Amino acid sequence: MPTTPYDPLRNPGPFDRALAAFGRALASLAGAAPSSRPLPVRGADADADEPVEMSQRRLSGALMRVNHVGEVCAQALYEAQAASTADPALEREFRAAALEEGDHLAWTRERLRELGARPSLLNPLWYAGSFAIGLAAGRMGDRISLGFMAETERQVESHLARHLDRLPPSDSRSRAIVAAMQEDEARHGEHARRLGGVDLPAPARWAMRAASKVMTTTAHYL
């Protein structure tokens, strides 16, 4: 009786999936992930509005480094949550969100380059930790995993609003990127709630804020 040849592209096995996930992790950490959307700008010529003072450029660089770390973490979280759900439709939802977050990753990486700043030295650690957290959330069930996604996006949206307040007014390029990211995060969070995400208990939300504070404070310098 003839058998259908094994096709890893249509029917990936556990090893193929793990290898693909490892490749996506390397792409995220190496800055090789492409953007599907152009870098956001404000006005006809955003390049004309750049922070001139060195102290302002350093501040913009530090804030964008923190935002870049957040997007590294987002890639890890969504990768783990996609891997831990048994629902193929929900896996596609997580991967679609990761694709848009991949734009944020590319935007912040490019902005760091423009500002002469570097990414966080601890990005591999941030990725590994976030992957473990995402895997734990996914193992608790789809509704909790979606609730974790919604709460994460809510906290990130609030964090980006604070960065808009702190970025130098002259840095229209960074501000355009952060504003576009904020819109996407709000939409992702709302979508997760519509898909059935539950509200997380207060202690879980507090723990998430505490972990985020450690990450953002450290990434500001490292």
N, C-alpha and C. Protein backbone atom coordinates (compact mmCIF):
# COMPACT_ATOMS: atom_id res chain seq x y z
N MET A 1 0.86 -1.19 0.00
CA MET A 1 0.00 0.00 0.00
C MET A 1 0.89 1.24 0.00
N PRO A 2 0.70 2.17 -0.95
CA PRO A 2 1.58 3.35 -1.00
C PRO A 2 1.35 4.26 0.19
N THR A 3 2.38 4.88 0.64
CA THR A 3 2.30 5.83 1.76
C THR A 3 2.63 7.21 1.27
N THR A 4 2.07 8.21 1.95
CA THR A 4 2.33 9.61 1.61
C THR A 4 3.70 10.01 2.15
N PRO A 5 4.57 10.53 1.31
CA PRO A 5 5.90 10.95 1.80
C PRO A 5 5.78 11.99 2.90
N TYR A 6 6.68 11.91 3.85
CA TYR A 6 6.69 12.88 4.94
C TYR A 6 7.12 14.24 4.42
N ASP A 7 6.32 15.23 4.68
CA ASP A 7 6.62 16.60 4.24
C ASP A 7 6.71 17.48 5.47
N PRO A 8 7.93 17.88 5.91
CA PRO A 8 8.08 18.69 7.13
C PRO A 8 7.46 20.06 7.02
N LEU A 9 7.19 20.54 5.78
CA LEU A 9 6.57 21.86 5.64
C LEU A 9 5.08 21.81 5.92
N ARG A 10 4.44 20.69 5.55
CA ARG A 10 3.00 20.57 5.77
C ARG A 10 2.67 19.87 7.08
N ASN A 11 3.52 18.94 7.48
CA ASN A 11 3.27 18.17 8.70
C ASN A 11 4.52 18.18 9.58
N PRO A 12 4.85 19.33 10.15
CA PRO A 12 6.07 19.39 10.95
C PRO A 12 5.97 18.54 12.21
N GLY A 13 7.01 17.80 12.48
CA GLY A 13 7.08 17.02 13.70
C GLY A 13 7.65 17.85 14.83
N PRO A 14 7.76 17.25 16.03
CA PRO A 14 8.29 17.99 17.18
C PRO A 14 9.68 18.56 16.94
N PHE A 15 10.54 17.76 16.29
CA PHE A 15 11.90 18.25 16.03
C PHE A 15 11.88 19.44 15.07
N ASP A 16 11.04 19.34 14.01
CA ASP A 16 10.95 20.43 13.04
C ASP A 16 10.43 21.71 13.70
N ARG A 17 9.43 21.55 14.57
CA ARG A 17 8.86 22.71 15.25
C ARG A 17 9.89 23.34 16.19
N ALA A 18 10.63 22.49 16.90
CA ALA A 18 11.66 23.01 17.81
C ALA A 18 12.76 23.72 17.04
N LEU A 19 13.13 23.15 15.89
CA LEU A 19 14.18 23.77 15.07
C LEU A 19 13.71 25.12 14.53
N ALA A 20 12.44 25.19 14.10
CA ALA A 20 11.89 26.45 13.60
C ALA A 20 11.84 27.49 14.71
N ALA A 21 11.44 27.06 15.92
CA ALA A 21 11.38 27.99 17.05
C ALA A 21 12.78 28.51 17.39
N PHE A 22 13.77 27.63 17.33
CA PHE A 22 15.15 28.05 17.60
C PHE A 22 15.62 29.06 16.56
N GLY A 23 15.24 28.83 15.30
CA GLY A 23 15.60 29.78 14.25
C GLY A 23 14.97 31.14 14.46
N ARG A 24 13.70 31.14 14.89
CA ARG A 24 13.03 32.43 15.14
C ARG A 24 13.67 33.14 16.33
N ALA A 25 14.08 32.38 17.34
CA ALA A 25 14.75 32.99 18.50
C ALA A 25 16.06 33.64 18.07
N LEU A 26 16.84 32.94 17.26
CA LEU A 26 18.11 33.51 16.79
C LEU A 26 17.88 34.76 15.96
N ALA A 27 16.84 34.73 15.11
CA ALA A 27 16.54 35.90 14.29
C ALA A 27 16.16 37.10 15.15
N SER A 28 15.39 36.85 16.20
CA SER A 28 14.99 37.94 17.09
C SER A 28 16.19 38.54 17.80
N LEU A 29 17.08 37.68 18.29
CA LEU A 29 18.22 38.15 19.06
C LEU A 29 19.30 38.78 18.18
N ALA A 30 19.38 38.32 16.92
CA ALA A 30 20.42 38.83 16.02
C ALA A 30 19.96 40.06 15.24
N GLY A 31 18.70 40.45 15.39
CA GLY A 31 18.20 41.59 14.65
C GLY A 31 17.98 41.28 13.19
N ALA A 32 17.77 39.98 12.87
CA ALA A 32 17.59 39.58 11.47
C ALA A 32 16.13 39.49 11.08
N ALA A 33 15.21 39.64 12.04
CA ALA A 33 13.79 39.54 11.73
C ALA A 33 13.37 40.74 10.88
N PRO A 34 12.77 40.51 9.72
CA PRO A 34 12.39 41.63 8.84
C PRO A 34 11.12 42.32 9.32
N SER A 35 10.91 43.53 8.84
CA SER A 35 9.69 44.27 9.14
C SER A 35 8.76 44.21 7.93
N SER A 36 7.47 43.99 8.18
CA SER A 36 6.50 43.96 7.09
C SER A 36 5.90 45.34 6.84
N ARG A 37 6.20 46.30 7.71
CA ARG A 37 5.69 47.67 7.57
C ARG A 37 6.86 48.65 7.65
N PRO A 38 6.76 49.77 6.95
CA PRO A 38 7.86 50.75 7.01
C PRO A 38 7.96 51.40 8.38
N LEU A 39 9.11 51.96 8.64
CA LEU A 39 9.34 52.67 9.90
C LEU A 39 8.38 53.85 10.00
N PRO A 40 7.63 53.97 11.11
CA PRO A 40 6.69 55.10 11.24
C PRO A 40 7.42 56.43 11.27
N VAL A 41 6.80 57.45 10.68
CA VAL A 41 7.35 58.80 10.71
C VAL A 41 6.21 59.76 11.01
N ARG A 42 6.59 60.96 11.44
CA ARG A 42 5.62 62.03 11.68
C ARG A 42 6.01 63.22 10.81
N GLY A 43 5.06 63.74 10.08
CA GLY A 43 5.33 64.90 9.26
C GLY A 43 5.97 64.50 7.94
N ALA A 44 6.24 65.48 7.12
CA ALA A 44 6.78 65.22 5.79
C ALA A 44 8.24 64.78 5.85
N ASP A 45 8.99 65.27 6.84
CA ASP A 45 10.41 64.93 6.92
C ASP A 45 10.81 64.81 8.38
N ALA A 46 10.58 63.62 8.94
CA ALA A 46 10.86 63.42 10.36
C ALA A 46 12.35 63.47 10.65
N ASP A 47 13.20 63.23 9.63
CA ASP A 47 14.64 63.26 9.86
C ASP A 47 15.13 64.65 10.26
N ALA A 48 14.32 65.67 9.95
CA ALA A 48 14.73 67.04 10.30
C ALA A 48 14.60 67.29 11.80
N ASP A 49 13.85 66.44 12.49
CA ASP A 49 13.63 66.62 13.92
C ASP A 49 14.35 65.52 14.68
N GLU A 50 15.60 65.74 15.01
CA GLU A 50 16.41 64.80 15.76
C GLU A 50 16.93 65.51 17.01
N PRO A 51 17.05 64.78 18.13
CA PRO A 51 17.64 65.41 19.31
C PRO A 51 19.09 65.80 19.04
N VAL A 52 19.42 67.04 19.35
CA VAL A 52 20.76 67.56 19.04
C VAL A 52 21.69 67.38 20.23
N GLU A 53 21.21 67.69 21.42
CA GLU A 53 22.06 67.59 22.60
C GLU A 53 22.38 66.13 22.90
N MET A 54 23.63 65.87 23.30
CA MET A 54 24.06 64.50 23.57
C MET A 54 23.25 63.86 24.69
N SER A 55 22.89 64.65 25.70
CA SER A 55 22.11 64.10 26.80
C SER A 55 20.74 63.63 26.32
N GLN A 56 20.14 64.35 25.37
CA GLN A 56 18.85 63.94 24.83
C GLN A 56 18.99 62.68 23.98
N ARG A 57 20.06 62.59 23.20
CA ARG A 57 20.28 61.39 22.38
C ARG A 57 20.51 60.16 23.27
N ARG A 58 21.23 60.36 24.38
CA ARG A 58 21.44 59.24 25.30
C ARG A 58 20.12 58.80 25.92
N LEU A 59 19.28 59.76 26.28
CA LEU A 59 17.98 59.42 26.86
C LEU A 59 17.13 58.66 25.85
N SER A 60 17.07 59.17 24.61
CA SER A 60 16.30 58.48 23.57
C SER A 60 16.83 57.08 23.34
N GLY A 61 18.16 56.94 23.32
CA GLY A 61 18.75 55.63 23.12
C GLY A 61 18.41 54.66 24.23
N ALA A 62 18.45 55.15 25.48
CA ALA A 62 18.13 54.27 26.62
C ALA A 62 16.67 53.84 26.58
N LEU A 63 15.78 54.78 26.27
CA LEU A 63 14.36 54.44 26.23
C LEU A 63 14.05 53.47 25.08
N MET A 64 14.67 53.69 23.94
CA MET A 64 14.43 52.78 22.82
C MET A 64 15.08 51.41 23.06
N ARG A 65 16.15 51.37 23.83
CA ARG A 65 16.73 50.07 24.20
C ARG A 65 15.75 49.29 25.07
N VAL A 66 15.13 49.98 26.01
CA VAL A 66 14.12 49.34 26.85
C VAL A 66 12.97 48.82 25.99
N ASN A 67 12.54 49.62 25.02
CA ASN A 67 11.44 49.20 24.15
C ASN A 67 11.85 48.02 23.28
N HIS A 68 13.10 48.01 22.84
CA HIS A 68 13.59 46.88 22.05
C HIS A 68 13.59 45.61 22.89
N VAL A 69 14.00 45.71 24.13
CA VAL A 69 13.97 44.55 25.03
C VAL A 69 12.53 44.04 25.18
N GLY A 70 11.59 44.97 25.31
CA GLY A 70 10.20 44.57 25.43
C GLY A 70 9.74 43.77 24.23
N GLU A 71 10.23 44.12 23.05
CA GLU A 71 9.84 43.39 21.84
C GLU A 71 10.55 42.05 21.73
N VAL A 72 11.77 41.96 22.23
CA VAL A 72 12.44 40.66 22.33
C VAL A 72 11.62 39.74 23.23
N CYS A 73 11.17 40.27 24.36
CA CYS A 73 10.34 39.50 25.28
C CYS A 73 9.02 39.09 24.64
N ALA A 74 8.42 40.00 23.86
CA ALA A 74 7.15 39.69 23.21
C ALA A 74 7.31 38.52 22.25
N GLN A 75 8.41 38.49 21.49
CA GLN A 75 8.64 37.37 20.58
C GLN A 75 8.72 36.06 21.35
N ALA A 76 9.41 36.07 22.47
CA ALA A 76 9.56 34.85 23.27
C ALA A 76 8.22 34.42 23.87
N LEU A 77 7.46 35.38 24.40
CA LEU A 77 6.17 35.06 25.00
C LEU A 77 5.23 34.43 23.99
N TYR A 78 5.09 35.06 22.83
CA TYR A 78 4.15 34.55 21.83
C TYR A 78 4.62 33.23 21.24
N GLU A 79 5.92 33.06 21.10
CA GLU A 79 6.45 31.78 20.62
C GLU A 79 6.08 30.67 21.59
N ALA A 80 6.25 30.91 22.88
CA ALA A 80 5.93 29.90 23.89
C ALA A 80 4.43 29.65 23.98
N GLN A 81 3.63 30.71 23.92
CA GLN A 81 2.18 30.54 24.00
C GLN A 81 1.64 29.81 22.77
N ALA A 82 2.19 30.10 21.60
CA ALA A 82 1.78 29.40 20.39
C ALA A 82 2.14 27.92 20.48
N ALA A 83 3.31 27.63 21.07
CA ALA A 83 3.77 26.24 21.16
C ALA A 83 2.98 25.44 22.19
N SER A 84 2.38 26.11 23.17
CA SER A 84 1.74 25.39 24.28
C SER A 84 0.24 25.22 24.12
N THR A 85 -0.37 25.84 23.09
CA THR A 85 -1.80 25.64 22.89
C THR A 85 -2.04 24.46 21.96
N ALA A 86 -3.13 23.74 22.22
CA ALA A 86 -3.52 22.62 21.35
C ALA A 86 -4.50 23.06 20.27
N ASP A 87 -4.89 24.33 20.30
CA ASP A 87 -5.87 24.86 19.35
C ASP A 87 -5.14 25.49 18.16
N PRO A 88 -5.22 24.89 16.98
CA PRO A 88 -4.50 25.45 15.83
C PRO A 88 -4.91 26.88 15.49
N ALA A 89 -6.19 27.21 15.68
CA ALA A 89 -6.65 28.57 15.39
C ALA A 89 -6.00 29.56 16.34
N LEU A 90 -5.91 29.19 17.62
CA LEU A 90 -5.29 30.08 18.60
C LEU A 90 -3.79 30.20 18.36
N GLU A 91 -3.18 29.11 17.95
CA GLU A 91 -1.75 29.18 17.60
C GLU A 91 -1.53 30.21 16.49
N ARG A 92 -2.42 30.21 15.50
CA ARG A 92 -2.30 31.19 14.41
C ARG A 92 -2.48 32.61 14.93
N GLU A 93 -3.37 32.80 15.92
CA GLU A 93 -3.58 34.13 16.50
C GLU A 93 -2.30 34.62 17.19
N PHE A 94 -1.67 33.75 17.95
CA PHE A 94 -0.43 34.13 18.63
C PHE A 94 0.66 34.46 17.61
N ARG A 95 0.74 33.68 16.56
CA ARG A 95 1.78 33.93 15.56
C ARG A 95 1.50 35.20 14.77
N ALA A 96 0.23 35.51 14.53
CA ALA A 96 -0.11 36.76 13.84
C ALA A 96 0.28 37.96 14.70
N ALA A 97 0.01 37.87 16.01
CA ALA A 97 0.42 38.96 16.91
C ALA A 97 1.94 39.08 16.94
N ALA A 98 2.63 37.93 16.95
CA ALA A 98 4.10 37.96 16.96
C ALA A 98 4.65 38.62 15.71
N LEU A 99 3.95 38.45 14.58
CA LEU A 99 4.41 39.06 13.33
C LEU A 99 4.37 40.58 13.44
N GLU A 100 3.29 41.13 13.99
CA GLU A 100 3.22 42.59 14.16
C GLU A 100 4.23 43.06 15.20
N GLU A 101 4.40 42.28 16.27
CA GLU A 101 5.41 42.64 17.27
C GLU A 101 6.80 42.57 16.65
N GLY A 102 6.96 41.71 15.62
CA GLY A 102 8.23 41.66 14.91
C GLY A 102 8.55 42.96 14.20
N ASP A 103 7.50 43.66 13.73
CA ASP A 103 7.72 44.99 13.17
C ASP A 103 8.29 45.92 14.23
N HIS A 104 7.71 45.87 15.43
CA HIS A 104 8.21 46.71 16.53
C HIS A 104 9.67 46.39 16.82
N LEU A 105 10.00 45.11 16.80
CA LEU A 105 11.38 44.69 17.06
C LEU A 105 12.32 45.30 16.03
N ALA A 106 11.94 45.24 14.76
CA ALA A 106 12.79 45.80 13.70
C ALA A 106 12.86 47.32 13.79
N TRP A 107 11.73 47.96 14.10
CA TRP A 107 11.70 49.43 14.20
C TRP A 107 12.63 49.91 15.31
N THR A 108 12.51 49.29 16.50
CA THR A 108 13.32 49.75 17.63
C THR A 108 14.80 49.45 17.40
N ARG A 109 15.09 48.34 16.75
CA ARG A 109 16.49 48.01 16.44
C ARG A 109 17.08 49.06 15.48
N GLU A 110 16.31 49.43 14.46
CA GLU A 110 16.78 50.43 13.51
C GLU A 110 16.95 51.78 14.18
N ARG A 111 16.03 52.12 15.07
CA ARG A 111 16.13 53.42 15.75
C ARG A 111 17.35 53.45 16.67
N LEU A 112 17.66 52.34 17.32
CA LEU A 112 18.88 52.28 18.12
C LEU A 112 20.11 52.54 17.25
N ARG A 113 20.12 51.96 16.06
CA ARG A 113 21.24 52.16 15.15
C ARG A 113 21.36 53.64 14.77
N GLU A 114 20.22 54.27 14.47
CA GLU A 114 20.24 55.68 14.09
C GLU A 114 20.75 56.57 15.22
N LEU A 115 20.44 56.20 16.45
CA LEU A 115 20.83 57.00 17.60
C LEU A 115 22.25 56.67 18.07
N GLY A 116 22.88 55.68 17.45
CA GLY A 116 24.21 55.28 17.88
C GLY A 116 24.20 54.55 19.21
N ALA A 117 23.06 53.92 19.54
CA ALA A 117 22.94 53.18 20.80
C ALA A 117 22.94 51.68 20.50
N ARG A 118 23.19 50.89 21.53
CA ARG A 118 23.26 49.44 21.35
C ARG A 118 22.06 48.76 22.00
N PRO A 119 21.72 47.55 21.54
CA PRO A 119 20.69 46.76 22.22
C PRO A 119 21.18 46.32 23.60
N SER A 120 20.29 45.79 24.39
CA SER A 120 20.66 45.30 25.72
C SER A 120 21.64 44.14 25.63
N LEU A 121 22.63 44.14 26.49
CA LEU A 121 23.59 43.04 26.54
C LEU A 121 22.96 41.77 27.08
N LEU A 122 21.80 41.90 27.72
CA LEU A 122 21.16 40.75 28.38
C LEU A 122 20.00 40.19 27.57
N ASN A 123 19.92 40.51 26.29
CA ASN A 123 18.79 40.05 25.49
C ASN A 123 18.59 38.53 25.51
N PRO A 124 19.65 37.72 25.44
CA PRO A 124 19.42 36.27 25.53
C PRO A 124 18.74 35.86 26.84
N LEU A 125 19.12 36.53 27.93
CA LEU A 125 18.50 36.25 29.22
C LEU A 125 17.04 36.67 29.23
N TRP A 126 16.76 37.86 28.69
CA TRP A 126 15.36 38.32 28.63
C TRP A 126 14.52 37.35 27.79
N TYR A 127 15.07 36.88 26.67
CA TYR A 127 14.31 35.97 25.80
C TYR A 127 14.02 34.66 26.53
N ALA A 128 15.04 34.09 27.15
CA ALA A 128 14.86 32.81 27.84
C ALA A 128 13.85 32.91 28.98
N GLY A 129 13.95 33.97 29.77
CA GLY A 129 13.03 34.15 30.88
C GLY A 129 11.60 34.33 30.40
N SER A 130 11.42 35.13 29.35
CA SER A 130 10.08 35.38 28.83
C SER A 130 9.49 34.12 28.20
N PHE A 131 10.32 33.32 27.55
CA PHE A 131 9.83 32.07 26.98
C PHE A 131 9.31 31.15 28.08
N ALA A 132 10.05 31.08 29.18
CA ALA A 132 9.62 30.23 30.29
C ALA A 132 8.30 30.72 30.88
N ILE A 133 8.15 32.04 31.00
CA ILE A 133 6.91 32.61 31.52
C ILE A 133 5.75 32.33 30.57
N GLY A 134 5.98 32.52 29.27
CA GLY A 134 4.93 32.27 28.29
C GLY A 134 4.52 30.81 28.27
N LEU A 135 5.48 29.92 28.42
CA LEU A 135 5.18 28.49 28.45
C LEU A 135 4.34 28.14 29.67
N ALA A 136 4.70 28.74 30.81
CA ALA A 136 3.93 28.49 32.03
C ALA A 136 2.49 29.00 31.88
N ALA A 137 2.33 30.19 31.30
CA ALA A 137 0.98 30.73 31.09
C ALA A 137 0.18 29.84 30.15
N GLY A 138 0.83 29.36 29.08
CA GLY A 138 0.14 28.52 28.13
C GLY A 138 -0.30 27.20 28.72
N ARG A 139 0.49 26.66 29.62
CA ARG A 139 0.17 25.37 30.24
C ARG A 139 -1.02 25.48 31.19
N MET A 140 -1.37 26.69 31.58
CA MET A 140 -2.50 26.89 32.48
C MET A 140 -3.84 26.89 31.75
N GLY A 141 -3.81 26.82 30.43
CA GLY A 141 -5.06 26.82 29.66
C GLY A 141 -5.16 28.03 28.77
N ASP A 142 -5.94 27.89 27.71
CA ASP A 142 -6.01 28.94 26.71
C ASP A 142 -6.60 30.24 27.24
N ARG A 143 -7.61 30.17 28.08
CA ARG A 143 -8.24 31.40 28.56
C ARG A 143 -7.30 32.18 29.47
N ILE A 144 -6.54 31.47 30.28
CA ILE A 144 -5.55 32.15 31.13
C ILE A 144 -4.41 32.69 30.28
N SER A 145 -3.99 31.91 29.28
CA SER A 145 -2.93 32.37 28.39
C SER A 145 -3.35 33.64 27.66
N LEU A 146 -4.60 33.68 27.20
CA LEU A 146 -5.11 34.89 26.55
C LEU A 146 -5.24 36.04 27.54
N GLY A 147 -5.64 35.73 28.77
CA GLY A 147 -5.71 36.75 29.79
C GLY A 147 -4.34 37.32 30.11
N PHE A 148 -3.34 36.45 30.10
CA PHE A 148 -1.96 36.91 30.32
C PHE A 148 -1.53 37.83 29.18
N MET A 149 -1.90 37.46 27.96
CA MET A 149 -1.59 38.30 26.80
C MET A 149 -2.24 39.67 26.93
N ALA A 150 -3.52 39.68 27.31
CA ALA A 150 -4.26 40.93 27.44
C ALA A 150 -3.65 41.82 28.52
N GLU A 151 -3.29 41.23 29.66
CA GLU A 151 -2.70 42.01 30.74
C GLU A 151 -1.31 42.52 30.38
N THR A 152 -0.54 41.68 29.69
CA THR A 152 0.78 42.11 29.23
C THR A 152 0.66 43.31 28.31
N GLU A 153 -0.25 43.24 27.35
CA GLU A 153 -0.42 44.35 26.41
C GLU A 153 -0.91 45.60 27.11
N ARG A 154 -1.77 45.44 28.11
CA ARG A 154 -2.26 46.61 28.85
C ARG A 154 -1.12 47.29 29.57
N GLN A 155 -0.25 46.51 30.20
CA GLN A 155 0.87 47.09 30.92
C GLN A 155 1.89 47.72 29.96
N VAL A 156 2.09 47.08 28.81
CA VAL A 156 3.03 47.64 27.83
C VAL A 156 2.48 48.95 27.27
N GLU A 157 1.17 48.99 27.02
CA GLU A 157 0.55 50.23 26.52
C GLU A 157 0.78 51.38 27.50
N SER A 158 0.61 51.10 28.80
CA SER A 158 0.84 52.12 29.82
C SER A 158 2.31 52.52 29.88
N HIS A 159 3.19 51.54 29.75
CA HIS A 159 4.63 51.81 29.75
C HIS A 159 5.02 52.71 28.57
N LEU A 160 4.45 52.45 27.39
CA LEU A 160 4.77 53.27 26.22
C LEU A 160 4.25 54.69 26.37
N ALA A 161 3.11 54.84 27.03
CA ALA A 161 2.58 56.18 27.28
C ALA A 161 3.56 56.98 28.14
N ARG A 162 4.17 56.33 29.12
CA ARG A 162 5.17 57.02 29.95
C ARG A 162 6.40 57.39 29.13
N HIS A 163 6.78 56.54 28.20
CA HIS A 163 7.92 56.86 27.36
C HIS A 163 7.63 58.04 26.44
N LEU A 164 6.39 58.15 25.97
CA LEU A 164 6.04 59.31 25.15
C LEU A 164 6.18 60.60 25.95
N ASP A 165 5.91 60.52 27.24
CA ASP A 165 6.07 61.70 28.10
C ASP A 165 7.55 62.02 28.33
N ARG A 166 8.42 60.99 28.30
CA ARG A 166 9.82 61.19 28.64
C ARG A 166 10.71 61.48 27.43
N LEU A 167 10.31 61.02 26.25
CA LEU A 167 11.15 61.24 25.07
C LEU A 167 11.28 62.74 24.79
N PRO A 168 12.47 63.18 24.36
CA PRO A 168 12.64 64.60 24.02
C PRO A 168 11.62 65.04 22.97
N PRO A 169 11.00 66.19 23.14
CA PRO A 169 10.02 66.67 22.14
C PRO A 169 10.60 66.74 20.73
N SER A 170 11.92 66.98 20.63
CA SER A 170 12.55 67.09 19.31
C SER A 170 12.71 65.74 18.61
N ASP A 171 12.58 64.65 19.36
CA ASP A 171 12.82 63.33 18.78
C ASP A 171 11.52 62.78 18.18
N SER A 172 11.11 63.38 17.08
CA SER A 172 9.84 62.98 16.47
C SER A 172 9.91 61.57 15.90
N ARG A 173 11.08 61.13 15.51
CA ARG A 173 11.21 59.79 14.92
C ARG A 173 10.94 58.71 15.96
N SER A 174 11.56 58.81 17.11
CA SER A 174 11.29 57.85 18.18
C SER A 174 9.85 57.93 18.65
N ARG A 175 9.33 59.14 18.74
CA ARG A 175 7.96 59.32 19.22
C ARG A 175 6.96 58.69 18.24
N ALA A 176 7.22 58.78 16.95
CA ALA A 176 6.32 58.17 15.96
C ALA A 176 6.33 56.65 16.11
N ILE A 177 7.51 56.08 16.35
CA ILE A 177 7.61 54.63 16.53
C ILE A 177 6.85 54.18 17.76
N VAL A 178 7.06 54.87 18.87
CA VAL A 178 6.40 54.50 20.12
C VAL A 178 4.88 54.65 20.01
N ALA A 179 4.42 55.70 19.37
CA ALA A 179 2.97 55.90 19.21
C ALA A 179 2.36 54.79 18.37
N ALA A 180 3.04 54.37 17.30
CA ALA A 180 2.53 53.28 16.46
C ALA A 180 2.51 51.96 17.24
N MET A 181 3.54 51.74 18.03
CA MET A 181 3.58 50.53 18.86
C MET A 181 2.44 50.53 19.86
N GLN A 182 2.18 51.68 20.47
CA GLN A 182 1.12 51.78 21.46
C GLN A 182 -0.23 51.42 20.87
N GLU A 183 -0.50 51.86 19.65
CA GLU A 183 -1.77 51.53 18.99
C GLU A 183 -1.89 50.02 18.76
N ASP A 184 -0.81 49.40 18.33
CA ASP A 184 -0.84 47.95 18.10
C ASP A 184 -1.05 47.19 19.39
N GLU A 185 -0.38 47.61 20.47
CA GLU A 185 -0.51 46.90 21.74
C GLU A 185 -1.95 46.96 22.26
N ALA A 186 -2.57 48.12 22.13
CA ALA A 186 -3.96 48.25 22.57
C ALA A 186 -4.87 47.32 21.78
N ARG A 187 -4.62 47.21 20.49
CA ARG A 187 -5.44 46.34 19.64
C ARG A 187 -5.21 44.87 19.98
N HIS A 188 -3.98 44.49 20.23
CA HIS A 188 -3.69 43.10 20.60
C HIS A 188 -4.36 42.73 21.91
N GLY A 189 -4.29 43.63 22.88
CA GLY A 189 -4.91 43.35 24.17
C GLY A 189 -6.41 43.19 24.06
N GLU A 190 -7.05 44.07 23.32
CA GLU A 190 -8.50 43.99 23.13
C GLU A 190 -8.87 42.71 22.39
N HIS A 191 -8.07 42.33 21.41
CA HIS A 191 -8.34 41.11 20.65
C HIS A 191 -8.24 39.89 21.55
N ALA A 192 -7.26 39.86 22.44
CA ALA A 192 -7.11 38.74 23.37
C ALA A 192 -8.31 38.62 24.28
N ARG A 193 -8.84 39.74 24.73
CA ARG A 193 -10.04 39.71 25.58
C ARG A 193 -11.24 39.19 24.80
N ARG A 194 -11.38 39.61 23.55
CA ARG A 194 -12.51 39.14 22.74
C ARG A 194 -12.42 37.63 22.46
N LEU A 195 -11.20 37.11 22.41
CA LEU A 195 -11.03 35.68 22.16
C LEU A 195 -11.31 34.83 23.40
N GLY A 196 -11.55 35.49 24.53
CA GLY A 196 -11.91 34.75 25.73
C GLY A 196 -10.93 34.85 26.87
N GLY A 197 -9.99 35.78 26.79
CA GLY A 197 -9.03 35.94 27.87
C GLY A 197 -9.70 36.37 29.16
N VAL A 198 -9.31 35.77 30.27
CA VAL A 198 -9.89 36.10 31.57
C VAL A 198 -9.04 37.14 32.27
N ASP A 199 -9.66 37.88 33.19
CA ASP A 199 -8.91 38.83 34.01
C ASP A 199 -8.03 38.07 35.00
N LEU A 200 -6.76 38.40 35.06
CA LEU A 200 -5.87 37.74 35.99
C LEU A 200 -6.09 38.28 37.40
N PRO A 201 -5.85 37.45 38.42
CA PRO A 201 -5.99 37.93 39.81
C PRO A 201 -4.96 39.02 40.11
N ALA A 202 -5.28 39.85 41.08
CA ALA A 202 -4.42 40.98 41.42
C ALA A 202 -2.97 40.57 41.72
N PRO A 203 -2.72 39.49 42.50
CA PRO A 203 -1.32 39.13 42.77
C PRO A 203 -0.53 38.83 41.49
N ALA A 204 -1.19 38.23 40.50
CA ALA A 204 -0.50 37.94 39.23
C ALA A 204 -0.15 39.24 38.50
N ARG A 205 -1.09 40.20 38.53
CA ARG A 205 -0.82 41.48 37.87
C ARG A 205 0.31 42.22 38.57
N TRP A 206 0.33 42.17 39.91
CA TRP A 206 1.40 42.83 40.65
C TRP A 206 2.75 42.19 40.34
N ALA A 207 2.79 40.86 40.27
CA ALA A 207 4.03 40.16 39.98
C ALA A 207 4.54 40.53 38.58
N MET A 208 3.61 40.65 37.63
CA MET A 208 4.00 41.03 36.27
C MET A 208 4.59 42.44 36.26
N ARG A 209 3.97 43.35 37.00
CA ARG A 209 4.50 44.73 37.06
C ARG A 209 5.87 44.76 37.71
N ALA A 210 6.06 43.95 38.76
CA ALA A 210 7.36 43.92 39.44
C ALA A 210 8.44 43.38 38.51
N ALA A 211 8.12 42.31 37.79
CA ALA A 211 9.10 41.74 36.86
C ALA A 211 9.42 42.73 35.75
N SER A 212 8.40 43.44 35.27
CA SER A 212 8.60 44.44 34.22
C SER A 212 9.49 45.57 34.72
N LYS A 213 9.30 45.97 35.98
CA LYS A 213 10.11 47.05 36.54
C LYS A 213 11.58 46.66 36.60
N VAL A 214 11.86 45.42 36.98
CA VAL A 214 13.24 44.95 37.02
C VAL A 214 13.85 44.99 35.63
N MET A 215 13.08 44.50 34.66
CA MET A 215 13.59 44.46 33.29
C MET A 215 13.85 45.85 32.74
N THR A 216 12.88 46.76 32.87
CA THR A 216 13.03 48.08 32.28
C THR A 216 14.15 48.87 32.96
N THR A 217 14.28 48.74 34.26
CA THR A 217 15.34 49.46 34.98
C THR A 217 16.70 48.96 34.56
N THR A 218 16.85 47.64 34.46
CA THR A 218 18.13 47.07 34.07
C THR A 218 18.48 47.40 32.63
N ALA A 219 17.48 47.24 31.73
CA ALA A 219 17.73 47.47 30.30
C ALA A 219 18.03 48.93 29.99
N HIS A 220 17.59 49.83 30.83
CA HIS A 220 17.89 51.26 30.61
C HIS A 220 19.41 51.48 30.54
N TYR A 221 20.14 50.68 31.32
CA TYR A 221 21.61 50.85 31.38
C TYR A 221 22.36 49.72 30.67
N LEU A 222 21.80 48.50 30.73
CA LEU A 222 22.51 47.34 30.18
C LEU A 222 21.79 46.77 28.97
